[in-house]
Amino acid sequence: MIGIKVTVIGAGSWGTALAHLAAENNYNTSLWVRRQELADEINETQENNVYLPGAKISQKLNISTDLCKVVSEADIVIMSVPSHAVRIMAKKIRGCLKNDTIIVSASKGIELNSFKRMSEVLSEELFQGSTQNIVALSGPSHAEEVIRGLPTAIVAASSSQTAAETAQDVLMNRNFRVYTNTDITGVELGGALKNVIAICSGISDGLGFGDNTRAALMTRGIVEITRLGIRLGAIPATFSGLSGIGDLIVTCSSLYSRNRKAGMEIGRGKTVKEVLDSSKMVIEGINTTQAVFSLSKKMDIEMPITEQAHLVLFEGRDPAKAVNSLMNRVGKYEHEDTISQNFFEC
């Protein structure tokens, strides 16, 4: 396995952390950086001060701006770009890939308009619809903690157990535990949809609400995620795992969470445009809210938290009124759609 060559596309915080992991695990690893200026800075300082300030990056890591070169040499390509750029980047690299290259998607989102998960976009652009060489990486894993070597556990999911285990072997070490899963649909949906709930959690915090409110949003949020996931073919038990409840907990609670931070600023009175303009990094939950809301309407799936998030983010609704709408919905039996029964029986 040590002879495997790894290329990570995208030098944001998560891509940098994953490249650091693979390099420290003694795999020949390249990190593709879009801007020469950033590549030079990383090479000179051994730090990515734009996205991971203060964190030392492995000296074994090769930094490159030559996309096709590092992709053509790789046995594993880890795609760590914002979800809206995945299709564009896939088109750029498809002529450079070896036929048996494993593609690991580290992007969490749903494509607008097509409603496709990232693995579906990649399989469509790179492998004519086949998913055998595609792995989705998800779970509670802030890059700021991973690069410091703090204990972390995530999931590598693929329809091919062999592909998932290859990604597991490349990334896993004593501080970074990787589980495998064959439910790529559930793993990707959990990783993408939790960002919607995290924005809502941040809005709640920004409004000055407490732990009770956040707990209610998280609990009912996982119900919405599971409800949609089941309709799309996911295994219910996946949402009780690391890419479901695990990722939801950390993203709704952590100060590292960009989505929670964005929600807090909106709850305190900033506009969505002001929040986006002030952020150096992509806030995935905003586009995901739009995609999931449209998908829920198309499939006639009840997702009240997502609906209120959409109203706040895209129609200018007052956040306090959105919370009031959720609290004053008609009384219901908690498990009336039997999701919890399916959830815990699996």
Protein backbone atom coordinates (compact mmCIF):
# COMPACT_ATOMS: atom_id res chain seq x y z
CA MET A 1 0.00 0.00 0.00
CA ILE A 2 2.86 2.43 0.69
CA GLY A 3 3.61 2.57 -3.07
CA ILE A 4 0.25 4.24 -3.67
CA LYS A 5 0.44 7.84 -4.85
CA VAL A 6 -2.12 10.31 -3.52
CA THR A 7 -3.19 13.67 -4.91
CA VAL A 8 -5.43 16.07 -3.03
CA ILE A 9 -7.23 18.69 -5.11
CA GLY A 10 -7.99 21.83 -3.16
CA ALA A 11 -5.81 23.59 -0.58
CA GLY A 12 -8.58 24.78 1.70
CA SER A 13 -8.53 23.75 5.34
CA TRP A 14 -9.93 20.25 4.82
CA GLY A 15 -7.88 19.45 1.73
CA THR A 16 -4.72 20.60 3.47
CA ALA A 17 -5.46 18.48 6.54
CA LEU A 18 -6.17 15.36 4.45
CA ALA A 19 -3.00 15.85 2.40
CA HIS A 20 -1.03 16.25 5.64
CA LEU A 21 -2.51 12.99 6.96
CA ALA A 22 -1.64 10.96 3.87
CA ALA A 23 1.88 12.38 3.73
CA GLU A 24 2.50 11.68 7.41
CA ASN A 25 1.27 8.12 6.80
CA ASN A 26 4.24 7.85 4.40
CA TYR A 27 2.27 7.89 1.15
CA ASN A 28 3.71 9.84 -1.76
CA THR A 29 1.28 12.78 -1.56
CA SER A 30 0.77 15.90 -3.64
CA LEU A 31 -1.48 18.84 -2.77
CA TRP A 32 -2.74 20.77 -5.78
CA VAL A 33 -2.93 24.50 -5.09
CA ARG A 34 -4.75 26.79 -7.51
CA ARG A 35 -2.75 29.96 -6.80
CA GLN A 36 1.02 30.03 -7.24
CA GLU A 37 1.28 32.64 -4.50
CA LEU A 38 -0.26 30.28 -1.94
CA ALA A 39 1.85 27.36 -3.18
CA ASP A 40 5.01 29.41 -2.70
CA GLU A 41 3.92 30.47 0.79
CA ILE A 42 3.21 26.88 1.87
CA ASN A 43 6.57 25.72 0.51
CA GLU A 44 8.43 28.53 2.27
CA THR A 45 6.69 28.46 5.65
CA GLN A 46 5.34 24.90 5.86
CA GLU A 47 2.01 26.47 6.82
CA ASN A 48 -1.25 27.33 5.05
CA ASN A 49 -1.83 30.65 6.76
CA VAL A 50 -4.89 31.46 4.65
CA TYR A 51 -6.96 28.45 5.71
CA LEU A 52 -5.12 26.80 8.64
CA PRO A 53 -3.10 29.53 10.32
CA GLY A 54 -0.54 28.35 12.83
CA ALA A 55 -0.66 24.66 11.88
CA LYS A 56 2.53 23.01 10.62
CA ILE A 57 2.14 20.94 7.47
CA SER A 58 4.08 17.74 6.79
CA GLN A 59 7.47 18.34 5.17
CA LYS A 60 6.88 15.16 3.16
CA LEU A 61 4.06 16.84 1.22
CA ASN A 62 4.62 17.91 -2.37
CA ILE A 63 2.95 21.22 -3.27
CA SER A 64 2.06 21.68 -6.94
CA THR A 65 0.10 23.97 -9.25
CA ASP A 66 0.31 21.51 -12.18
CA LEU A 67 -3.11 19.87 -12.01
CA CYS A 68 -2.86 17.33 -14.82
CA LYS A 69 0.62 16.20 -13.79
CA VAL A 70 -0.25 15.35 -10.20
CA VAL A 71 -3.59 13.79 -11.19
CA SER A 72 -2.03 11.60 -13.91
CA GLU A 73 0.48 10.21 -11.41
CA ALA A 74 -2.08 9.44 -8.70
CA ASP A 75 -3.65 6.13 -7.67
CA ILE A 76 -6.02 8.02 -5.37
CA VAL A 77 -7.37 11.52 -6.00
CA ILE A 78 -9.07 13.25 -3.07
CA MET A 79 -11.46 15.94 -4.29
CA SER A 80 -11.68 18.66 -1.64
CA VAL A 81 -13.24 21.64 -3.40
CA PRO A 82 -16.57 23.42 -2.67
CA SER A 83 -19.53 21.36 -3.88
CA HIS A 84 -20.45 23.90 -6.57
CA ALA A 85 -16.99 23.42 -8.13
CA VAL A 86 -16.93 19.61 -8.14
CA ARG A 87 -18.41 19.18 -11.63
CA ILE A 88 -16.14 21.87 -13.08
CA MET A 89 -13.06 20.28 -11.53
CA ALA A 90 -14.10 16.78 -12.62
CA LYS A 91 -14.28 17.95 -16.23
CA LYS A 92 -10.78 19.42 -15.91
CA ILE A 93 -9.17 16.22 -14.65
CA ARG A 94 -11.01 13.47 -16.55
CA GLY A 95 -8.51 13.46 -19.42
CA CYS A 96 -5.63 13.10 -16.96
CA LEU A 97 -6.86 10.19 -14.84
CA LYS A 98 -5.62 6.62 -15.00
CA ASN A 99 -8.46 4.15 -15.65
CA ASP A 100 -8.30 2.58 -12.19
CA THR A 101 -7.84 5.74 -10.12
CA ILE A 102 -9.92 5.88 -6.96
CA ILE A 103 -11.71 9.20 -6.44
CA VAL A 104 -12.42 10.22 -2.85
CA SER A 105 -15.03 12.95 -2.47
CA ALA A 106 -14.38 15.12 0.57
CA SER A 107 -16.96 17.73 -0.47
CA LYS A 108 -20.26 17.98 1.41
CA GLY A 109 -23.16 19.36 -0.58
CA ILE A 110 -26.00 18.82 -3.03
CA GLU A 111 -25.74 20.17 -6.57
CA LEU A 112 -28.27 22.87 -7.31
CA ASN A 113 -30.87 22.12 -10.00
CA SER A 114 -29.80 18.49 -10.55
CA PHE A 115 -30.08 17.60 -6.81
CA LYS A 116 -27.21 15.14 -7.31
CA ARG A 117 -24.88 14.08 -4.54
CA MET A 118 -21.16 14.65 -5.12
CA SER A 119 -20.47 10.98 -5.87
CA GLU A 120 -23.18 11.08 -8.53
CA VAL A 121 -21.62 14.15 -10.13
CA LEU A 122 -18.20 12.49 -10.12
CA SER A 123 -19.43 9.17 -11.50
CA GLU A 124 -21.29 10.99 -14.26
CA GLU A 125 -18.30 13.08 -15.30
CA LEU A 126 -15.48 10.59 -14.77
CA PHE A 127 -16.74 7.02 -15.03
CA GLN A 128 -19.83 7.08 -17.27
CA GLY A 129 -22.13 6.52 -14.31
CA SER A 130 -20.13 3.79 -12.56
CA THR A 131 -19.56 4.24 -8.81
CA GLN A 132 -17.04 1.43 -8.25
CA ASN A 133 -14.06 3.77 -8.00
CA ILE A 134 -15.73 6.47 -5.91
CA VAL A 135 -15.56 6.92 -2.14
CA ALA A 136 -17.36 9.55 -0.05
CA LEU A 137 -15.60 10.80 3.07
CA SER A 138 -17.75 12.25 5.83
CA GLY A 139 -18.10 12.59 9.58
CA PRO A 140 -17.35 14.99 12.48
CA SER A 141 -13.94 16.25 11.44
CA HIS A 142 -12.92 19.87 11.74
CA ALA A 143 -9.65 20.36 9.88
CA GLU A 144 -8.32 22.58 12.67
CA GLU A 145 -8.38 19.61 15.05
CA VAL A 146 -7.35 16.92 12.56
CA ILE A 147 -4.11 18.68 11.62
CA ARG A 148 -3.25 19.02 15.32
CA GLY A 149 -3.58 15.26 15.74
CA LEU A 150 -6.63 15.34 18.00
CA PRO A 151 -8.54 12.02 18.02
CA THR A 152 -11.12 11.97 15.21
CA ALA A 153 -13.34 9.30 13.62
CA ILE A 154 -14.96 9.49 10.18
CA VAL A 155 -16.54 7.25 7.52
CA ALA A 156 -15.34 6.22 4.05
CA ALA A 157 -18.37 5.05 2.07
CA SER A 158 -18.50 3.35 -1.32
CA SER A 159 -20.50 0.79 -3.26
CA SER A 160 -17.12 -0.97 -3.51
CA GLN A 161 -15.80 -2.22 -0.20
CA THR A 162 -12.34 -2.51 -1.75
CA ALA A 163 -12.30 1.18 -2.71
CA ALA A 164 -13.54 2.19 0.74
CA GLU A 165 -10.85 0.08 2.43
CA THR A 166 -8.14 1.61 0.22
CA ALA A 167 -9.15 5.10 1.37
CA GLN A 168 -9.30 3.78 4.94
CA ASP A 169 -5.74 2.43 4.72
CA VAL A 170 -4.31 5.64 3.25
CA LEU A 171 -5.83 8.00 5.82
CA MET A 172 -6.15 6.04 9.06
CA ASN A 173 -3.61 6.40 11.84
CA ARG A 174 -3.56 6.33 15.63
CA ASN A 175 -5.37 9.68 15.88
CA PHE A 176 -7.58 9.47 12.78
CA ARG A 177 -9.91 6.47 12.76
CA VAL A 178 -11.71 5.63 9.51
CA TYR A 179 -14.73 3.31 9.37
CA THR A 180 -16.07 1.91 6.09
CA ASN A 181 -19.70 1.87 4.97
CA THR A 182 -21.47 0.75 1.79
CA ASP A 183 -24.35 3.23 2.19
CA ILE A 184 -22.81 6.06 0.19
CA THR A 185 -26.22 7.68 -0.25
CA GLY A 186 -26.83 8.00 3.49
CA VAL A 187 -23.28 9.05 4.30
CA GLU A 188 -23.31 11.85 1.73
CA LEU A 189 -26.80 13.07 2.65
CA GLY A 190 -25.89 13.19 6.34
CA GLY A 191 -22.76 15.20 5.61
CA ALA A 192 -24.57 17.67 3.36
CA LEU A 193 -27.86 18.17 5.17
CA LYS A 194 -26.41 18.71 8.63
CA ASN A 195 -25.09 22.05 7.36
CA VAL A 196 -28.66 23.29 6.97
CA ILE A 197 -29.44 22.44 10.58
CA ALA A 198 -26.14 23.97 11.70
CA ILE A 199 -27.10 27.31 10.18
CA CYS A 200 -30.38 27.10 12.09
CA SER A 201 -28.50 26.24 15.27
CA GLY A 202 -26.33 29.30 14.78
CA ILE A 203 -29.37 31.50 14.16
CA SER A 204 -30.83 30.23 17.42
CA ASP A 205 -27.62 31.08 19.26
CA GLY A 206 -27.46 34.47 17.58
CA LEU A 207 -30.98 35.23 18.75
CA GLY A 208 -29.91 34.47 22.31
CA PHE A 209 -31.77 31.19 22.73
CA GLY A 210 -30.29 28.42 24.86
CA ASP A 211 -29.24 24.80 24.97
CA ASN A 212 -32.84 23.59 24.97
CA THR A 213 -33.49 25.26 21.62
CA ARG A 214 -30.32 23.92 20.04
CA ALA A 215 -31.06 20.40 21.27
CA ALA A 216 -34.58 20.57 19.83
CA LEU A 217 -33.28 21.77 16.46
CA MET A 218 -30.66 19.02 16.32
CA THR A 219 -33.09 16.28 17.33
CA ARG A 220 -35.85 17.30 14.94
CA GLY A 221 -33.19 18.07 12.34
CA ILE A 222 -31.95 14.48 12.26
CA VAL A 223 -35.57 13.41 11.79
CA GLU A 224 -35.81 15.61 8.68
CA ILE A 225 -32.49 14.32 7.36
CA THR A 226 -33.53 10.71 7.93
CA ARG A 227 -36.95 11.29 6.38
CA LEU A 228 -35.41 12.57 3.15
CA GLY A 229 -32.65 9.96 3.24
CA ILE A 230 -35.07 7.05 3.42
CA ARG A 231 -37.00 8.36 0.43
CA LEU A 232 -33.75 8.59 -1.53
CA GLY A 233 -32.75 5.02 -0.69
CA ALA A 234 -30.44 5.46 2.29
CA ILE A 235 -30.21 2.97 5.14
CA PRO A 236 -31.86 4.55 8.23
CA ALA A 237 -29.16 3.34 10.64
CA THR A 238 -26.54 5.40 8.77
CA PHE A 239 -28.03 8.55 10.27
CA SER A 240 -27.34 7.31 13.80
CA GLY A 241 -23.65 7.05 12.92
CA LEU A 242 -20.70 9.38 12.45
CA SER A 243 -21.92 10.95 9.21
CA GLY A 244 -25.38 11.53 10.69
CA ILE A 245 -25.73 12.37 14.35
CA GLY A 246 -21.96 12.64 14.79
CA ASP A 247 -21.45 15.29 12.14
CA LEU A 248 -24.66 17.06 13.18
CA ILE A 249 -23.51 17.39 16.80
CA VAL A 250 -20.11 18.87 15.98
CA THR A 251 -21.36 21.21 13.24
CA CYS A 252 -24.21 22.57 15.35
CA SER A 253 -22.05 23.07 18.44
CA SER A 254 -18.50 23.95 17.44
CA LEU A 255 -16.96 27.39 17.11
CA TYR A 256 -15.01 26.00 14.15
CA SER A 257 -18.24 25.44 12.20
CA ARG A 258 -18.54 27.95 9.35
CA ASN A 259 -22.24 27.16 8.98
CA ARG A 260 -22.98 27.74 12.66
CA LYS A 261 -20.95 30.96 12.62
CA ALA A 262 -22.90 32.18 9.59
CA GLY A 263 -26.18 31.42 11.33
CA MET A 264 -25.07 33.28 14.46
CA GLU A 265 -24.31 36.40 12.43
CA ILE A 266 -27.69 36.20 10.69
CA GLY A 267 -29.40 35.74 14.07
CA ARG A 268 -27.63 38.89 15.29
CA GLY A 269 -28.97 40.92 12.38
CA LYS A 270 -26.54 40.61 9.46
CA THR A 271 -27.87 39.93 5.98
CA VAL A 272 -26.91 36.79 4.08
CA LYS A 273 -24.93 38.93 1.62
CA GLU A 274 -22.98 40.54 4.44
CA VAL A 275 -22.16 37.13 5.89
CA LEU A 276 -21.02 35.74 2.53
CA ASP A 277 -18.95 38.82 1.72
CA SER A 278 -17.10 38.61 5.03
CA SER A 279 -16.19 34.90 4.78
CA LYS A 280 -12.98 33.69 3.13
CA MET A 281 -14.41 30.17 2.87
CA VAL A 282 -17.53 28.71 1.31
CA ILE A 283 -20.55 28.27 3.58
CA GLU A 284 -21.92 25.05 2.09
CA GLY A 285 -25.18 25.07 4.05
CA ILE A 286 -26.59 28.07 2.18
CA ASN A 287 -26.62 26.44 -1.26
CA THR A 288 -27.60 23.12 0.30
CA THR A 289 -30.63 24.75 1.92
CA GLN A 290 -31.81 25.95 -1.48
CA ALA A 291 -31.26 22.55 -3.11
CA VAL A 292 -32.85 20.52 -0.30
CA PHE A 293 -35.85 22.80 0.02
CA SER A 294 -36.55 22.51 -3.71
CA LEU A 295 -36.05 18.74 -3.57
CA SER A 296 -38.38 18.36 -0.58
CA LYS A 297 -41.12 20.23 -2.44
CA LYS A 298 -40.58 18.16 -5.56
CA MET A 299 -40.84 14.92 -3.56
CA ASP A 300 -43.58 16.22 -1.22
CA ILE A 301 -41.53 15.56 1.92
CA GLU A 302 -42.28 17.53 5.09
CA MET A 303 -39.13 19.37 6.24
CA PRO A 304 -40.30 22.32 8.36
CA ILE A 305 -36.87 23.37 9.69
CA THR A 306 -35.41 23.38 6.19
CA GLU A 307 -38.41 25.35 4.96
CA GLN A 308 -37.96 28.07 7.58
CA ALA A 309 -34.21 28.17 6.87
CA HIS A 310 -35.02 28.75 3.20
CA LEU A 311 -37.40 31.57 4.07
CA VAL A 312 -34.75 33.29 6.19
CA LEU A 313 -31.85 32.80 3.77
CA PHE A 314 -33.58 33.42 0.46
CA GLU A 315 -36.79 35.34 1.15
CA GLY A 316 -35.68 37.70 3.90
CA ARG A 317 -37.86 36.33 6.68
CA ASP A 318 -37.13 37.57 10.18
CA PRO A 319 -35.28 34.76 12.03
CA ALA A 320 -37.33 35.22 15.23
CA LYS A 321 -40.55 34.80 13.25
CA ALA A 322 -39.16 31.64 11.67
CA VAL A 323 -38.56 30.14 15.13
CA ASN A 324 -42.03 31.23 16.20
CA SER A 325 -43.52 29.43 13.18
CA LEU A 326 -41.75 26.21 14.13
CA MET A 327 -42.86 26.42 17.75
CA ASN A 328 -46.50 27.10 16.88
CA ARG A 329 -47.08 24.32 14.37
CA VAL A 330 -50.03 22.06 15.10
CA GLY A 331 -49.36 19.50 17.86
CA LYS A 332 -48.15 16.10 16.68
CA TYR A 333 -47.22 12.64 17.91
CA GLU A 334 -43.42 12.46 17.96
CA HIS A 335 -43.07 9.30 15.87
CA GLU A 336 -46.13 9.65 13.68
CA ASP A 337 -44.27 8.95 10.44
CA THR A 338 -42.67 5.79 11.97
CA ILE A 339 -39.18 7.01 11.10
CA SER A 340 -37.93 6.33 14.62
CA GLN A 341 -39.19 2.76 14.45
CA ASN A 342 -37.25 2.16 11.23
CA PHE A 343 -34.32 4.16 12.60
CA PHE A 344 -33.70 2.06 15.68
CA GLU A 345 -34.65 -1.32 14.27
CA CYS A 346 -31.76 -1.18 11.78
